[in-house]
Amino acid sequence: MSQHAKKRKISKIDSILISIFSIIGIIALLSWSWLLLYNPFISDRAGLFIRGHLSRIFTASEYIDELESANSSNQQTSDNNQDQDVLGPEGSIDKKNQSEDTPESADEKPTIRLQIYEGPVYSASDDSCSYIVIALVTGKPSPAVKFSKDDSSGSLGSDKSKISLKRNLRTYTLTATASNSLGTVMDSITLNWGCNSSPQISEIKLSSDIIYVNKQYEITAVASDPDRDTITYKWSVGGGSLEDDSMQTVKWNTPSESGDYEIKIIVKDSSGANTAKTISVYVGDVEAPETTQATSPPPTATTEPPATAATTEPPAATTTTGPQQDNFNLSKKTDEGGYLEYGGKTYPGGNVYAGDSTNNKPCMGFISFDITGLSGKTVVSASLTFSGAAVHDNPLSYLDSLWINVVEWGAGPIVQGDFYLMGVAVQSFTDPSITCSTETLKSELQKAINAGKSRFQIRVHFSGPCTDNDSKQDGWEYAQANINLNATVR
């Protein structure tokens, strides 16, 4: 017991020194012991000495090993204790360092709020002002949304609705509900017409249906604004000059060269929206020489029979029911009628055509009636009809209307110079089935009778005249047999 206590008093330094000296002693003994062992006296006593010292060395070494083992065990225990503080007794995270698990969230009542997602957006195609409204919802389970109206028919999804306002319905209150197992809630939003519509231009009018070079004409824009905003005007022309380009009606000084010219108007409202319209107007040369308007055939007349030659139609003075009746269907001089293509071909004796040609040239139609049998008569009424039209493409898509003019080129076939004849405007039409019985027609017929004329002649053309440059015919074409002038006289 006391020996064990002494061992515990040996310091660590002492144990190290003992080990060192023991090793040195062992080496020394090994180096000279083989000489001494041959002497019996020495060999007997050396065995006792070695056994005594080796036992001490082994005892000290075992003690050192025990101390190191104890220290190592204590360190491992300390490390394990630290690990347990962090990882817990079974390697899991210590509960003291963990956040407590939250219980599964409970169901929630729905909420809903409506707000404008897009708009207002104006649509000219149906003159509407539209909004897209989105429903912002919360709740668990996810609420079902239902709108009071949806002009998109659900194409925008379950949370959006499209509302299109019309001019006769300029406000709408949209309501929506959100529902789940805990209840139903509702929200609403009032939408008002907030769109600005662009101005509308229905027509560009010229003060004359025939336009010549180096002349002055008035141009008028017929326009309005659906929102009743104040509108302003801005004109431009492809040739010539304008005296004031910011009025609804402006004066146009035409260019000095003939040809097609564009007239453009931009109409802008006080909210900034604008609309533009452009037309193409043909500007012709100066009026043809007087010789082309004489009652005798012009020098360029063809070899057709003289103007006084009878046609296959009944004599002009023959009444429809007998010599004593005063109602006449006037006979036509078919060889004198036809149509002209400006600067191009002349088509005498054929159909009457007004519009443009495949060469993108304006065309005018002409018809001539024999009134020699009405000498000394008083016109009670007159009616001019056109029927059975062959309609080529769509002239009214860019032209305003077909005009009937009373002109005079004389007793002979039409020639190119007759394109420029000044005429008296009688009436305009937007339908190819024409019946004209105006006071102007009656009075012009009476003037021709009183002046002793042998012809009463008509020209038809669309206002402009102009072309849409599509290299196709756009116009109305009539057989002369489908054109009739009926007069009641006394």
Protein backbone atom coordinates (compact mmCIF):
# COMPACT_ATOMS: atom_id res chain seq x y z
CA MET A 1 0.00 0.00 0.00
CA SER A 2 2.90 2.37 0.92
CA GLN A 3 4.80 1.33 -2.20
CA HIS A 4 1.82 2.26 -4.32
CA ALA A 5 1.59 5.61 -2.59
CA LYS A 6 5.28 6.31 -3.36
CA LYS A 7 4.73 5.59 -7.00
CA ARG A 8 2.03 8.18 -7.13
CA LYS A 9 4.48 10.80 -5.73
CA ILE A 10 6.92 10.39 -8.66
CA SER A 11 6.65 13.38 -10.92
CA LYS A 12 6.43 13.21 -14.64
CA ILE A 13 9.92 14.67 -15.03
CA ASP A 14 11.34 11.99 -12.72
CA SER A 15 9.74 9.28 -14.77
CA ILE A 16 11.23 10.65 -17.94
CA LEU A 17 14.74 10.84 -16.39
CA ILE A 18 14.43 7.33 -15.04
CA SER A 19 13.52 6.08 -18.50
CA ILE A 20 16.46 7.87 -20.11
CA PHE A 21 19.03 6.60 -17.62
CA SER A 22 17.58 3.13 -17.80
CA ILE A 23 17.99 3.03 -21.54
CA ILE A 24 21.58 4.31 -21.27
CA GLY A 25 22.32 1.67 -18.68
CA ILE A 26 20.91 -1.07 -20.83
CA ILE A 27 23.02 0.03 -23.79
CA ALA A 28 26.15 0.15 -21.61
CA LEU A 29 25.49 -3.26 -20.14
CA LEU A 30 24.95 -4.76 -23.56
CA SER A 31 28.23 -3.28 -24.80
CA TRP A 32 30.46 -4.81 -22.13
CA SER A 33 28.40 -7.53 -20.52
CA TRP A 34 29.60 -10.22 -22.91
CA LEU A 35 33.16 -9.73 -21.55
CA LEU A 36 32.14 -9.83 -17.92
CA LEU A 37 29.91 -12.84 -18.27
CA TYR A 38 32.95 -15.03 -18.79
CA ASN A 39 33.93 -14.34 -15.11
CA PRO A 40 31.71 -16.47 -12.84
CA PHE A 41 31.94 -14.02 -9.93
CA ILE A 42 30.77 -11.16 -12.03
CA SER A 43 28.18 -13.08 -14.02
CA ASP A 44 26.49 -14.27 -10.83
CA ARG A 45 26.19 -10.80 -9.36
CA ALA A 46 25.36 -9.14 -12.72
CA GLY A 47 22.26 -11.24 -13.12
CA LEU A 48 20.97 -10.01 -9.77
CA PHE A 49 21.77 -6.38 -10.65
CA ILE A 50 20.12 -6.52 -14.04
CA ARG A 51 16.99 -8.17 -12.76
CA GLY A 52 16.66 -5.51 -10.05
CA HIS A 53 17.08 -2.57 -12.37
CA LEU A 54 14.90 -3.99 -15.16
CA SER A 55 12.04 -4.51 -12.75
CA ARG A 56 12.24 -0.84 -11.79
CA ILE A 57 12.32 0.24 -15.44
CA PHE A 58 9.30 -1.88 -16.35
CA THR A 59 7.46 -0.67 -13.27
CA ALA A 60 8.11 3.01 -14.19
CA SER A 61 7.18 2.40 -17.80
CA GLU A 62 3.92 0.74 -16.83
CA TYR A 63 3.13 3.65 -14.55
CA ILE A 64 3.73 6.17 -17.34
CA ASP A 65 1.48 4.16 -19.63
CA GLU A 66 -1.24 4.16 -16.99
CA LEU A 67 -0.97 7.95 -16.59
CA GLU A 68 -1.16 8.52 -20.37
CA SER A 69 -4.09 6.11 -20.62
CA ALA A 70 -5.91 7.92 -17.83
CA ASN A 71 -5.30 11.33 -19.41
CA SER A 72 -6.50 10.07 -22.77
CA SER A 73 -9.63 8.61 -21.19
CA ASN A 74 -10.40 11.87 -19.42
CA GLN A 75 -9.95 13.87 -22.64
CA GLN A 76 -12.25 11.53 -24.57
CA THR A 77 -14.87 11.79 -21.85
CA SER A 78 -14.66 15.60 -21.98
CA ASP A 79 -14.99 15.60 -25.79
CA ASN A 80 -17.95 13.25 -25.61
CA ASN A 81 -19.62 15.49 -23.09
CA GLN A 82 -19.09 18.51 -25.38
CA ASP A 83 -20.50 16.59 -28.35
CA GLN A 84 -23.52 15.64 -26.33
CA ASP A 85 -24.10 19.32 -25.51
CA VAL A 86 -24.26 20.05 -29.23
CA LEU A 87 -25.65 16.92 -30.78
CA GLY A 88 -27.63 15.54 -27.92
CA PRO A 89 -27.34 12.11 -26.36
CA GLU A 90 -28.10 10.28 -29.61
CA GLY A 91 -26.29 12.50 -32.10
CA SER A 92 -29.36 14.61 -32.90
CA ILE A 93 -29.47 18.39 -32.58
CA ASP A 94 -29.90 19.48 -29.00
CA LYS A 95 -33.52 20.45 -28.37
CA LYS A 96 -32.35 23.55 -26.54
CA ASN A 97 -30.89 24.85 -29.84
CA GLN A 98 -33.88 23.90 -31.97
CA SER A 99 -36.93 26.02 -32.80
CA GLU A 100 -40.02 24.29 -31.74
CA ASP A 101 -42.08 22.70 -34.54
CA THR A 102 -45.09 24.83 -35.46
CA PRO A 103 -48.37 23.08 -35.82
CA GLU A 104 -49.94 22.79 -39.30
CA SER A 105 -51.60 26.11 -40.29
CA ALA A 106 -55.35 26.19 -40.01
CA ASP A 107 -57.90 27.06 -42.74
CA GLU A 108 -58.45 30.76 -43.42
CA LYS A 109 -61.51 32.75 -44.38
CA PRO A 110 -61.43 34.24 -47.90
CA THR A 111 -60.65 37.87 -48.73
CA ILE A 112 -61.05 39.65 -52.09
CA ARG A 113 -60.02 42.99 -53.54
CA LEU A 114 -60.70 44.18 -57.12
CA GLN A 115 -58.35 46.46 -58.99
CA ILE A 116 -57.84 47.55 -62.62
CA TYR A 117 -55.25 45.36 -64.31
CA GLU A 118 -55.37 47.01 -67.76
CA GLY A 119 -57.23 49.87 -69.40
CA PRO A 120 -58.97 51.86 -70.49
CA VAL A 121 -58.35 50.72 -74.08
CA TYR A 122 -60.38 52.06 -77.01
CA SER A 123 -61.45 49.82 -79.89
CA ALA A 124 -62.51 51.58 -83.08
CA SER A 125 -63.88 48.37 -84.59
CA ASP A 126 -66.84 48.30 -82.21
CA ASP A 127 -66.50 51.78 -80.67
CA SER A 128 -65.95 50.41 -77.18
CA CYS A 129 -63.83 51.25 -74.13
CA SER A 130 -62.59 48.18 -72.27
CA TYR A 131 -60.98 47.38 -68.92
CA ILE A 132 -59.43 44.21 -67.50
CA VAL A 133 -60.01 43.82 -63.76
CA ILE A 134 -58.10 41.39 -61.54
CA ALA A 135 -59.35 39.86 -58.28
CA LEU A 136 -56.70 39.65 -55.54
CA VAL A 137 -57.81 36.87 -53.16
CA THR A 138 -56.50 35.07 -50.08
CA GLY A 139 -57.83 32.15 -48.05
CA LYS A 140 -57.38 28.45 -47.36
CA PRO A 141 -58.63 26.40 -49.10
CA SER A 142 -58.05 28.57 -52.19
CA PRO A 143 -61.28 30.52 -52.81
CA ALA A 144 -63.36 30.21 -55.98
CA VAL A 145 -63.90 33.58 -57.71
CA LYS A 146 -67.06 34.55 -59.57
CA PHE A 147 -67.60 37.83 -61.52
CA SER A 148 -70.93 39.47 -62.29
CA LYS A 149 -69.80 39.98 -65.91
CA ASP A 150 -66.91 38.91 -68.13
CA ASP A 151 -66.83 39.92 -71.80
CA SER A 152 -63.80 37.66 -72.36
CA SER A 153 -65.93 34.56 -71.58
CA GLY A 154 -63.26 33.28 -69.20
CA SER A 155 -60.38 33.42 -71.66
CA LEU A 156 -58.32 35.61 -69.30
CA GLY A 157 -58.41 33.09 -66.45
CA SER A 158 -60.46 32.64 -63.32
CA ASP A 159 -59.08 35.73 -61.58
CA LYS A 160 -59.62 38.30 -64.38
CA SER A 161 -62.64 39.86 -66.09
CA LYS A 162 -62.95 42.04 -69.18
CA ILE A 163 -65.60 44.76 -69.28
CA SER A 164 -66.36 46.59 -72.55
CA LEU A 165 -68.25 49.86 -72.14
CA LYS A 166 -70.35 51.30 -74.96
CA ARG A 167 -71.35 54.89 -75.62
CA ASN A 168 -74.89 54.12 -74.54
CA LEU A 169 -73.56 52.31 -71.44
CA ARG A 170 -70.68 54.47 -70.24
CA THR A 171 -70.45 53.07 -66.69
CA TYR A 172 -70.64 49.65 -65.07
CA THR A 173 -70.18 48.41 -61.49
CA LEU A 174 -68.42 45.05 -61.52
CA THR A 175 -68.90 42.78 -58.49
CA ALA A 176 -67.03 39.60 -57.63
CA THR A 177 -67.25 37.00 -54.85
CA ALA A 178 -64.62 34.72 -53.32
CA SER A 179 -65.86 31.54 -51.61
CA ASN A 180 -64.36 28.62 -49.71
CA SER A 181 -65.49 26.26 -46.92
CA LEU A 182 -65.32 29.07 -44.35
CA GLY A 183 -67.57 31.54 -46.16
CA THR A 184 -68.09 34.02 -49.01
CA VAL A 185 -66.94 37.64 -49.34
CA MET A 186 -67.64 40.25 -52.03
CA ASP A 187 -66.01 43.35 -53.53
CA SER A 188 -67.03 45.77 -56.30
CA ILE A 189 -65.46 48.39 -58.55
CA THR A 190 -67.14 51.04 -60.73
CA LEU A 191 -65.74 51.50 -64.24
CA ASN A 192 -66.40 54.65 -66.27
CA TRP A 193 -65.80 55.47 -69.92
CA GLY A 194 -62.24 56.76 -69.90
CA CYS A 195 -61.27 56.35 -73.55
CA ASN A 196 -60.60 59.05 -76.06
CA SER A 197 -61.96 58.26 -79.52
CA SER A 198 -60.17 59.49 -82.61
CA PRO A 199 -61.92 62.02 -84.84
CA GLN A 200 -63.82 60.66 -87.82
CA ILE A 201 -63.42 62.03 -91.35
CA SER A 202 -66.34 61.15 -93.56
CA GLU A 203 -65.48 63.10 -96.70
CA ILE A 204 -63.18 65.54 -98.46
CA LYS A 205 -65.16 67.82 -100.75
CA LEU A 206 -63.96 69.95 -103.63
CA SER A 207 -65.85 72.99 -104.90
CA SER A 208 -65.79 71.55 -108.43
CA ASP A 209 -66.00 68.04 -109.77
CA ILE A 210 -63.52 68.88 -112.55
CA ILE A 211 -60.17 70.38 -111.55
CA TYR A 212 -57.92 72.34 -113.93
CA VAL A 213 -54.35 73.62 -113.73
CA ASN A 214 -53.61 77.15 -112.49
CA LYS A 215 -57.04 77.56 -110.92
CA GLN A 216 -58.28 78.08 -107.38
CA TYR A 217 -60.74 75.73 -105.70
CA GLU A 218 -62.07 75.22 -102.20
CA ILE A 219 -61.44 72.01 -100.27
CA THR A 220 -63.59 71.10 -97.27
CA ALA A 221 -63.18 68.35 -94.69
CA VAL A 222 -66.37 66.83 -93.29
CA ALA A 223 -65.25 65.59 -89.87
CA SER A 224 -66.53 65.11 -86.33
CA ASP A 225 -65.35 63.82 -82.95
CA PRO A 226 -67.35 61.09 -81.17
CA ASP A 227 -66.37 62.56 -77.78
CA ARG A 228 -67.41 66.05 -78.89
CA ASP A 229 -63.88 67.32 -78.37
CA THR A 230 -62.69 70.42 -80.18
CA ILE A 231 -60.94 69.44 -83.41
CA THR A 232 -58.26 71.14 -85.47
CA TYR A 233 -57.27 70.68 -89.11
CA LYS A 234 -54.00 70.37 -90.97
CA TRP A 235 -53.98 70.20 -94.79
CA SER A 236 -51.28 69.29 -97.28
CA VAL A 237 -51.30 68.92 -101.07
CA GLY A 238 -48.99 67.14 -103.47
CA GLY A 239 -48.85 70.11 -105.83
CA GLY A 240 -49.81 73.76 -105.92
CA SER A 241 -50.29 75.76 -102.74
CA LEU A 242 -52.77 76.37 -99.92
CA GLU A 243 -53.68 79.83 -98.68
CA ASP A 244 -54.38 78.53 -95.15
CA ASP A 245 -53.73 74.94 -94.16
CA SER A 246 -55.36 75.01 -90.71
CA MET A 247 -59.02 75.70 -91.51
CA GLN A 248 -61.87 73.28 -92.17
CA THR A 249 -62.27 74.82 -95.64
CA VAL A 250 -59.14 75.97 -97.46
CA LYS A 251 -58.36 77.48 -100.87
CA TRP A 252 -56.17 75.40 -103.17
CA ASN A 253 -54.19 77.02 -105.97
CA THR A 254 -53.71 74.12 -108.35
CA PRO A 255 -50.32 73.31 -109.91
CA SER A 256 -49.33 74.34 -113.42
CA GLU A 257 -48.88 70.78 -114.68
CA SER A 258 -51.62 68.22 -115.16
CA GLY A 259 -51.58 64.91 -113.37
CA ASP A 260 -52.66 63.10 -110.22
CA TYR A 261 -52.13 64.94 -106.95
CA GLU A 262 -52.79 63.89 -103.38
CA ILE A 263 -54.79 65.95 -100.92
CA LYS A 264 -54.32 65.01 -97.27
CA ILE A 265 -56.14 66.17 -94.16
CA ILE A 266 -55.18 65.39 -90.55
CA VAL A 267 -57.87 66.05 -87.96
CA LYS A 268 -56.77 66.17 -84.31
CA ASP A 269 -58.90 66.41 -81.18
CA SER A 270 -58.14 68.30 -77.96
CA SER A 271 -57.06 65.06 -76.25
CA GLY A 272 -54.34 64.37 -78.80
CA ALA A 273 -55.97 61.66 -80.93
CA ASN A 274 -55.80 62.21 -84.68
CA THR A 275 -57.12 60.73 -87.92
CA ALA A 276 -55.86 61.23 -91.47
CA LYS A 277 -57.51 60.87 -94.86
CA THR A 278 -55.95 61.15 -98.31
CA ILE A 279 -57.53 61.34 -101.74
CA SER A 280 -55.98 61.48 -105.19
CA VAL A 281 -57.31 64.17 -107.51
CA TYR A 282 -56.67 64.47 -111.19
CA VAL A 283 -55.80 67.99 -112.33
CA GLY A 284 -56.48 68.47 -116.04
CA ASP A 285 -55.11 70.86 -118.62
CA VAL A 286 -56.83 74.08 -119.58
CA GLU A 287 -60.21 73.98 -121.26
CA ALA A 288 -60.20 72.61 -124.80
CA PRO A 289 -60.38 75.04 -127.78
CA GLU A 290 -63.80 76.30 -128.77
CA THR A 291 -63.73 74.36 -132.03
CA THR A 292 -64.26 71.16 -130.06
CA GLN A 293 -67.49 72.58 -128.65
CA ALA A 294 -68.98 73.70 -131.97
CA THR A 295 -72.17 72.17 -133.26
CA SER A 296 -70.36 70.86 -136.32
CA PRO A 297 -68.14 67.77 -136.18
CA PRO A 298 -64.52 68.51 -135.10
CA PRO A 299 -61.70 68.09 -137.60
CA THR A 300 -60.66 64.81 -135.97
CA ALA A 301 -64.03 63.19 -136.45
CA THR A 302 -64.03 59.62 -137.73
CA THR A 303 -65.65 58.40 -140.92
CA GLU A 304 -68.90 57.79 -139.08
CA PRO A 305 -72.06 59.09 -140.80
CA PRO A 306 -72.77 62.84 -140.51
CA ALA A 307 -74.55 64.04 -137.41
CA THR A 308 -77.78 64.44 -139.31
CA ALA A 309 -77.80 60.85 -140.48
CA ALA A 310 -80.65 58.85 -139.06
CA THR A 311 -79.92 55.98 -136.68
CA THR A 312 -81.84 52.78 -136.33
CA GLU A 313 -83.85 54.29 -133.49
CA PRO A 314 -87.24 55.94 -134.07
CA PRO A 315 -87.26 59.62 -135.11
CA ALA A 316 -86.90 61.98 -132.19
CA ALA A 317 -90.23 63.73 -132.78
CA THR A 318 -92.22 60.52 -132.80
CA THR A 319 -94.30 60.16 -129.66
CA THR A 320 -94.71 56.87 -127.85
CA THR A 321 -98.49 56.80 -128.22
CA GLY A 322 -99.19 58.99 -131.25
CA PRO A 323 -98.38 62.35 -132.80
CA GLN A 324 -100.70 64.26 -130.47
CA GLN A 325 -99.20 62.95 -127.21
CA ASP A 326 -96.66 65.05 -125.30
CA ASN A 327 -94.62 62.34 -123.56
CA PHE A 328 -91.39 61.41 -125.36
CA ASN A 329 -88.63 58.84 -124.89
CA LEU A 330 -85.93 60.76 -126.72
CA SER A 331 -83.90 58.85 -129.27
CA LYS A 332 -80.15 58.48 -128.78
CA LYS A 333 -77.32 59.17 -131.19
CA THR A 334 -75.42 56.04 -130.21
CA ASP A 335 -72.49 56.73 -132.53
CA GLU A 336 -71.83 60.00 -130.70
CA GLY A 337 -71.73 58.50 -127.20
CA GLY A 338 -69.25 56.17 -125.49
CA TYR A 339 -66.39 56.99 -123.15
CA LEU A 340 -62.95 58.57 -123.01
CA GLU A 341 -59.80 57.49 -121.18
CA TYR A 342 -57.83 60.58 -120.29
CA GLY A 343 -54.70 60.81 -122.42
CA GLY A 344 -55.43 57.34 -123.78
CA LYS A 345 -58.00 55.63 -125.92
CA THR A 346 -61.32 56.92 -127.20
CA TYR A 347 -64.29 54.56 -127.32
CA PRO A 348 -67.04 56.19 -129.47
CA GLY A 349 -70.29 54.38 -130.15
CA GLY A 350 -69.85 51.86 -127.34
CA ASN A 351 -70.91 51.56 -123.74
CA VAL A 352 -70.95 54.49 -121.35
CA TYR A 353 -68.30 53.99 -118.64
CA ALA A 354 -67.18 56.15 -115.70
CA GLY A 355 -64.34 55.31 -113.31
CA ASP A 356 -60.69 54.51 -113.96
CA SER A 357 -58.91 52.21 -116.38
CA THR A 358 -56.33 49.46 -116.09
CA ASN A 359 -53.83 52.16 -117.09
CA ASN A 360 -54.80 54.09 -113.92
CA LYS A 361 -56.39 56.86 -115.97
CA PRO A 362 -59.72 58.53 -115.19
CA CYS A 363 -62.57 57.75 -117.59
CA MET A 364 -65.74 59.70 -118.43
CA GLY A 365 -68.91 58.47 -120.12
CA PHE A 366 -70.98 60.38 -122.70
CA ILE A 367 -74.53 60.01 -124.08
CA SER A 368 -76.17 62.13 -126.80
CA PHE A 369 -79.95 62.61 -127.33
CA ASP A 370 -81.63 63.98 -130.46
CA ILE A 371 -84.04 66.83 -129.54
CA THR A 372 -84.82 68.17 -133.00
CA GLY A 373 -88.44 67.03 -132.61
CA LEU A 374 -88.92 69.19 -129.48
CA SER A 375 -88.49 72.52 -131.20
CA GLY A 376 -90.92 75.09 -129.78
CA LYS A 377 -92.05 72.80 -126.95
CA THR A 378 -92.27 73.59 -123.27
CA VAL A 379 -90.81 70.97 -120.95
CA VAL A 380 -93.18 69.94 -118.20
CA SER A 381 -90.90 67.28 -116.70
CA ALA A 382 -87.79 65.30 -117.55
CA SER A 383 -86.43 62.02 -116.17
CA LEU A 384 -83.05 60.44 -116.96
CA THR A 385 -82.48 56.79 -115.98
CA PHE A 386 -79.46 54.46 -116.00
CA SER A 387 -80.01 50.75 -115.33
CA GLY A 388 -78.29 47.38 -115.69
CA ALA A 389 -74.87 48.63 -114.64
CA ALA A 390 -71.81 46.41 -114.84
CA VAL A 391 -69.94 47.28 -111.66
CA HIS A 392 -66.15 46.96 -111.85
CA ASP A 393 -64.42 46.43 -108.51
CA ASN A 394 -65.39 49.07 -105.92
CA PRO A 395 -65.05 52.67 -107.10
CA LEU A 396 -66.85 54.06 -104.05
CA SER A 397 -64.05 52.77 -101.82
CA TYR A 398 -62.03 55.82 -102.80
CA LEU A 399 -64.42 57.99 -104.84
CA ASP A 400 -67.28 60.02 -103.44
CA SER A 401 -70.08 59.70 -106.01
CA LEU A 402 -71.04 59.62 -109.67
CA TRP A 403 -72.00 62.99 -111.11
CA ILE A 404 -74.33 63.77 -114.03
CA ASN A 405 -73.37 66.87 -116.01
CA VAL A 406 -75.05 68.58 -118.93
CA VAL A 407 -72.37 69.35 -121.55
CA GLU A 408 -72.19 70.09 -125.26
CA TRP A 409 -69.71 68.67 -127.77
CA GLY A 410 -71.85 68.93 -130.86
CA ALA A 411 -73.34 66.57 -133.41
CA GLY A 412 -70.47 64.11 -133.80
CA PRO A 413 -68.51 61.39 -132.05
CA ILE A 414 -66.62 62.20 -128.88
CA VAL A 415 -62.92 63.08 -129.08
CA GLN A 416 -60.17 63.49 -126.47
CA GLY A 417 -60.72 67.25 -126.25
CA ASP A 418 -64.22 66.63 -124.87
CA PHE A 419 -62.65 65.41 -121.64
CA TYR A 420 -62.20 69.06 -120.56
CA LEU A 421 -65.66 70.39 -121.34
CA MET A 422 -67.16 72.63 -118.69
CA GLY A 423 -70.51 71.31 -117.63
CA VAL A 424 -73.52 72.02 -115.46
CA ALA A 425 -73.72 69.72 -112.45
CA VAL A 426 -77.18 68.13 -112.20
CA GLN A 427 -77.04 65.50 -109.44
CA SER A 428 -74.71 62.94 -107.83
CA PHE A 429 -75.37 59.29 -106.99
CA THR A 430 -73.82 56.55 -104.87
CA ASP A 431 -75.92 53.74 -106.34
CA PRO A 432 -75.48 52.49 -109.91
CA SER A 433 -79.27 52.33 -110.46
CA ILE A 434 -79.93 55.96 -111.30
CA THR A 435 -83.08 58.02 -111.74
CA CYS A 436 -82.55 61.76 -112.12
CA SER A 437 -85.55 64.09 -112.39
CA THR A 438 -84.29 67.30 -110.83
CA GLU A 439 -85.40 70.80 -111.75
CA THR A 440 -81.89 71.43 -113.08
CA LEU A 441 -82.27 68.64 -115.65
CA LYS A 442 -85.61 70.03 -116.78
CA SER A 443 -84.37 73.62 -117.05
CA GLU A 444 -81.21 72.64 -118.96
CA LEU A 445 -83.30 70.65 -121.45
CA GLN A 446 -85.57 73.67 -121.93
CA LYS A 447 -82.55 75.92 -122.54
CA ALA A 448 -81.25 73.60 -125.25
CA ILE A 449 -84.70 73.56 -126.95
CA ASN A 450 -85.03 77.34 -126.76
CA ALA A 451 -81.51 77.78 -128.22
CA GLY A 452 -82.45 75.64 -131.22
CA LYS A 453 -79.97 72.89 -130.35
CA SER A 454 -80.23 69.54 -132.09
CA ARG A 455 -78.58 67.65 -129.23
CA PHE A 456 -79.02 67.34 -125.49
CA GLN A 457 -75.81 65.73 -124.22
CA ILE A 458 -74.84 64.21 -120.89
CA ARG A 459 -71.49 63.36 -119.33
CA VAL A 460 -71.07 61.05 -116.30
CA HIS A 461 -67.97 60.78 -114.13
CA PHE A 462 -66.94 60.18 -110.56
CA SER A 463 -65.97 63.20 -108.51
CA GLY A 464 -62.32 63.99 -108.88
CA PRO A 465 -61.80 62.49 -111.35
CA CYS A 466 -59.09 60.30 -109.87
CA THR A 467 -57.70 56.77 -109.68
CA ASP A 468 -56.63 54.42 -106.91
CA ASN A 469 -53.62 53.25 -108.97
CA ASP A 470 -54.37 49.54 -108.58
CA SER A 471 -54.14 48.81 -112.34
CA LYS A 472 -57.72 47.55 -112.35
CA GLN A 473 -60.98 48.99 -113.61
CA ASP A 474 -63.01 50.66 -110.87
CA GLY A 475 -66.30 52.03 -112.16
CA TRP A 476 -69.82 51.63 -113.50
CA GLU A 477 -70.51 50.65 -117.11
CA TYR A 478 -73.85 50.96 -118.95
CA ALA A 479 -75.04 49.83 -122.35
CA GLN A 480 -76.52 52.80 -124.20
CA ALA A 481 -79.76 50.84 -124.58
CA ASN A 482 -80.11 50.97 -120.77
CA ILE A 483 -79.96 54.77 -120.65
CA ASN A 484 -83.21 56.63 -121.23
CA LEU A 485 -84.35 60.27 -121.22
CA ASN A 486 -88.09 60.76 -120.92
CA ALA A 487 -89.62 64.22 -121.39
CA THR A 488 -93.15 65.47 -120.98
CA VAL A 489 -93.80 68.58 -123.08
CA ARG A 490 -96.68 70.72 -124.18
